[in-house]
Amino acid sequence: MYPDTSSPSAMISCLSKKNNNMLEPSGDIVEVDLYSCHAHELPALYNHPERDEMLFYTRRHYNGQRLCRKVGNIARWKSVGGEHEIKDGHQLLGHWRSLVFYRNDNGNLCSTEWRMDEYRVFPDQVENYVLCKVVKLEHQKHVPQQQKDVQEKRPRGDEKGSSSSNPPKSRKFF
């Protein structure tokens, strides 16, 4: 069953069925240890190259009590922004957050064109799966994290380093 990926509640419904063993295997969503794979390896693991996005079930990794999204010492999925609630009326169904894949380039974290939305059900349990929607954006400029930090600290009137002249990013896979 391939959910409507534009509807967070549909993603949570699909994930709930997976966590409760009520989902029949269809091959539309692949079960992968996502946090042990480099982002560029994911298309080879996915069965539907015609889709603009890839969906994966995975379990989150923990380092003690802390969530760990590192891929060895070479890369990591880094959260951008906060966690968002998914509700049906006043009932909390789950949460989602956006992540960016960063690679380690000689000690500097450099963002890549890979993006992920991670969905989890409520109440959260360590053994539960999460559902991850992964896309590869086009026209992503690789900027080391240290340089991004400097750009973010510039005063508002300073247009140097502004990305307004860059073409808009499209959500085309491959």
Protein backbone atom coordinates (compact mmCIF):
# COMPACT_ATOMS: atom_id res chain seq x y z
CA MET A 1 0.00 0.00 0.00
CA TYR A 2 1.57 3.29 -1.11
CA PRO A 3 0.18 6.14 1.03
CA ASP A 4 -0.67 9.64 -0.11
CA THR A 5 2.68 11.23 0.77
CA SER A 6 1.19 14.72 0.78
CA SER A 7 -1.00 13.73 3.75
CA PRO A 8 0.85 13.30 7.07
CA SER A 9 -2.15 11.48 8.57
CA ALA A 10 -2.07 8.94 5.70
CA MET A 11 1.64 8.38 6.37
CA ILE A 12 0.93 7.83 10.09
CA SER A 13 -1.95 5.46 9.28
CA CYS A 14 0.33 3.35 7.09
CA LEU A 15 3.06 3.38 9.76
CA SER A 16 0.61 2.36 12.49
CA LYS A 17 -0.42 -0.68 10.45
CA LYS A 18 3.25 -1.65 10.02
CA ASN A 19 3.97 -1.31 13.74
CA ASN A 20 0.89 -3.42 14.59
CA ASN A 21 1.73 -6.13 12.01
CA MET A 22 -1.48 -5.38 10.10
CA LEU A 23 0.17 -4.39 6.83
CA GLU A 24 0.50 -6.92 4.05
CA PRO A 25 3.89 -6.82 2.30
CA SER A 26 3.57 -5.17 -1.10
CA GLY A 27 7.08 -4.00 -1.96
CA ASP A 28 5.94 -0.38 -2.26
CA ILE A 29 7.75 0.60 0.93
CA VAL A 30 11.09 -1.03 1.59
CA GLU A 31 12.35 -1.98 5.05
CA VAL A 32 15.97 -0.78 5.36
CA ASP A 33 18.45 0.06 8.10
CA LEU A 34 18.43 3.64 6.81
CA TYR A 35 20.91 5.03 9.32
CA SER A 36 23.64 2.62 8.26
CA CYS A 37 23.40 3.60 4.55
CA HIS A 38 24.90 6.58 2.77
CA ALA A 39 22.14 8.55 1.02
CA HIS A 40 23.48 7.86 -2.48
CA GLU A 41 23.11 4.10 -1.79
CA LEU A 42 19.35 4.36 -1.21
CA PRO A 43 18.15 4.41 -4.86
CA ALA A 44 19.69 0.97 -5.39
CA LEU A 45 17.63 -0.35 -2.46
CA TYR A 46 14.35 1.10 -3.71
CA ASN A 47 12.16 -0.79 -6.21
CA HIS A 48 10.40 2.13 -7.91
CA PRO A 49 12.77 4.42 -9.86
CA GLU A 50 9.78 6.08 -11.59
CA ARG A 51 8.75 7.82 -8.34
CA ASP A 52 10.11 11.20 -7.27
CA GLU A 53 10.42 10.05 -3.67
CA MET A 54 11.43 6.91 -1.85
CA LEU A 55 9.64 5.49 1.19
CA PHE A 56 11.44 3.35 3.76
CA TYR A 57 10.54 1.70 7.04
CA THR A 58 13.43 1.80 9.47
CA ARG A 59 14.16 1.60 13.15
CA ARG A 60 15.92 4.48 14.82
CA HIS A 61 19.37 4.00 16.36
CA TYR A 62 20.10 5.04 19.92
CA ASN A 63 23.39 5.78 21.63
CA GLY A 64 22.26 5.05 25.17
CA GLN A 65 19.15 7.21 25.63
CA ARG A 66 20.10 9.60 22.82
CA LEU A 67 18.90 9.29 19.21
CA CYS A 68 21.78 8.76 16.78
CA ARG A 69 21.52 9.43 13.04
CA LYS A 70 25.21 9.09 12.18
CA VAL A 71 26.33 7.00 9.22
CA GLY A 72 29.69 5.84 10.53
CA ASN A 73 32.19 8.70 10.62
CA ILE A 74 31.43 9.80 7.07
CA ALA A 75 27.99 11.40 7.25
CA ARG A 76 24.85 12.07 9.27
CA TRP A 77 21.17 12.98 8.94
CA LYS A 78 20.75 16.32 10.70
CA SER A 79 17.41 17.66 11.86
CA VAL A 80 16.30 21.03 10.47
CA GLY A 81 13.61 22.85 12.34
CA GLY A 82 11.51 21.34 15.04
CA GLU A 83 9.22 18.40 15.37
CA HIS A 84 5.65 18.86 14.09
CA GLU A 85 2.53 17.25 15.52
CA ILE A 86 0.12 15.29 13.35
CA LYS A 87 -3.43 15.48 14.68
CA ASP A 88 -6.89 14.32 13.78
CA GLY A 89 -9.01 17.01 15.38
CA HIS A 90 -7.65 17.18 18.93
CA GLN A 91 -6.24 13.63 18.91
CA LEU A 92 -2.44 13.38 18.56
CA LEU A 93 -1.59 10.71 15.97
CA GLY A 94 2.16 11.19 15.63
CA HIS A 95 5.02 13.51 14.78
CA TRP A 96 7.19 14.34 11.79
CA ARG A 97 10.46 16.18 11.30
CA SER A 98 12.62 17.18 8.35
CA LEU A 99 16.26 16.18 8.03
CA VAL A 100 19.14 16.98 5.66
CA PHE A 101 21.95 14.58 4.81
CA TYR A 102 25.39 15.99 5.62
CA ARG A 103 28.67 14.43 4.53
CA ASN A 104 31.95 14.84 6.39
CA ASP A 105 34.40 16.68 4.13
CA ASN A 106 37.79 16.86 5.90
CA GLY A 107 36.20 17.60 9.25
CA ASN A 108 33.56 19.99 7.88
CA LEU A 109 29.92 18.98 7.59
CA CYS A 110 28.66 19.78 4.08
CA SER A 111 24.97 19.64 3.25
CA THR A 112 23.94 17.51 0.32
CA GLU A 113 20.91 17.49 -1.96
CA TRP A 114 19.27 14.68 0.05
CA ARG A 115 16.23 15.48 2.23
CA MET A 116 14.12 13.27 4.45
CA ASP A 117 10.85 13.59 6.33
CA GLU A 118 10.71 11.16 9.25
CA TYR A 119 7.27 10.14 10.59
CA ARG A 120 6.66 8.40 13.92
CA VAL A 121 3.48 7.31 15.66
CA PHE A 122 2.28 8.42 19.07
CA PRO A 123 2.86 7.02 21.64
CA ASP A 124 6.45 6.38 20.61
CA GLN A 125 8.16 3.14 21.59
CA VAL A 126 11.81 2.29 20.95
CA GLU A 127 10.96 -0.90 19.03
CA ASN A 128 8.56 0.88 16.64
CA TYR A 129 9.40 1.59 13.04
CA VAL A 130 9.51 5.08 11.60
CA LEU A 131 8.45 5.88 8.04
CA CYS A 132 10.93 7.98 6.06
CA LYS A 133 10.25 9.83 2.82
CA VAL A 134 13.55 10.55 1.05
CA VAL A 135 14.00 12.87 -1.95
CA LYS A 136 16.97 14.20 -3.86
CA LEU A 137 16.75 17.87 -4.74
CA GLU A 138 18.31 19.39 -7.85
CA HIS A 139 20.52 22.50 -7.93
CA GLN A 140 21.76 22.08 -4.36
CA LYS A 141 24.92 24.07 -3.73
CA HIS A 142 27.33 22.29 -1.37
CA VAL A 143 28.26 24.73 1.39
CA PRO A 144 30.36 23.60 4.39
CA GLN A 145 28.52 23.93 7.72
CA GLN A 146 31.12 26.38 9.08
CA GLN A 147 30.55 28.70 6.10
CA LYS A 148 26.75 28.47 6.60
CA ASP A 149 27.17 29.47 10.24
CA VAL A 150 29.14 32.57 9.17
CA GLN A 151 26.53 33.47 6.51
CA GLU A 152 23.69 33.22 9.04
CA LYS A 153 25.46 35.68 11.39
CA ARG A 154 25.70 38.47 8.76
CA PRO A 155 23.63 41.61 9.32
CA ARG A 156 20.36 41.79 7.37
CA GLY A 157 21.49 44.53 4.97
CA ASP A 158 24.48 42.50 3.79
CA GLU A 159 23.43 40.78 0.59
CA LYS A 160 26.79 39.08 0.09
CA GLY A 161 26.24 35.35 -0.04
CA SER A 162 22.52 35.72 -0.62
CA SER A 163 20.98 32.76 -2.41
CA SER A 164 18.14 34.75 -4.01
CA SER A 165 19.77 34.46 -7.44
CA ASN A 166 19.83 30.66 -7.30
CA PRO A 167 17.14 28.88 -9.30
CA PRO A 168 14.37 27.27 -7.25
CA LYS A 169 14.98 23.72 -6.12
CA SER A 170 12.80 21.11 -7.73
CA ARG A 171 11.89 17.84 -6.08
CA LYS A 172 13.04 15.58 -8.91
CA PHE A 173 14.49 12.23 -7.91
CA PHE A 174 17.69 11.36 -9.81
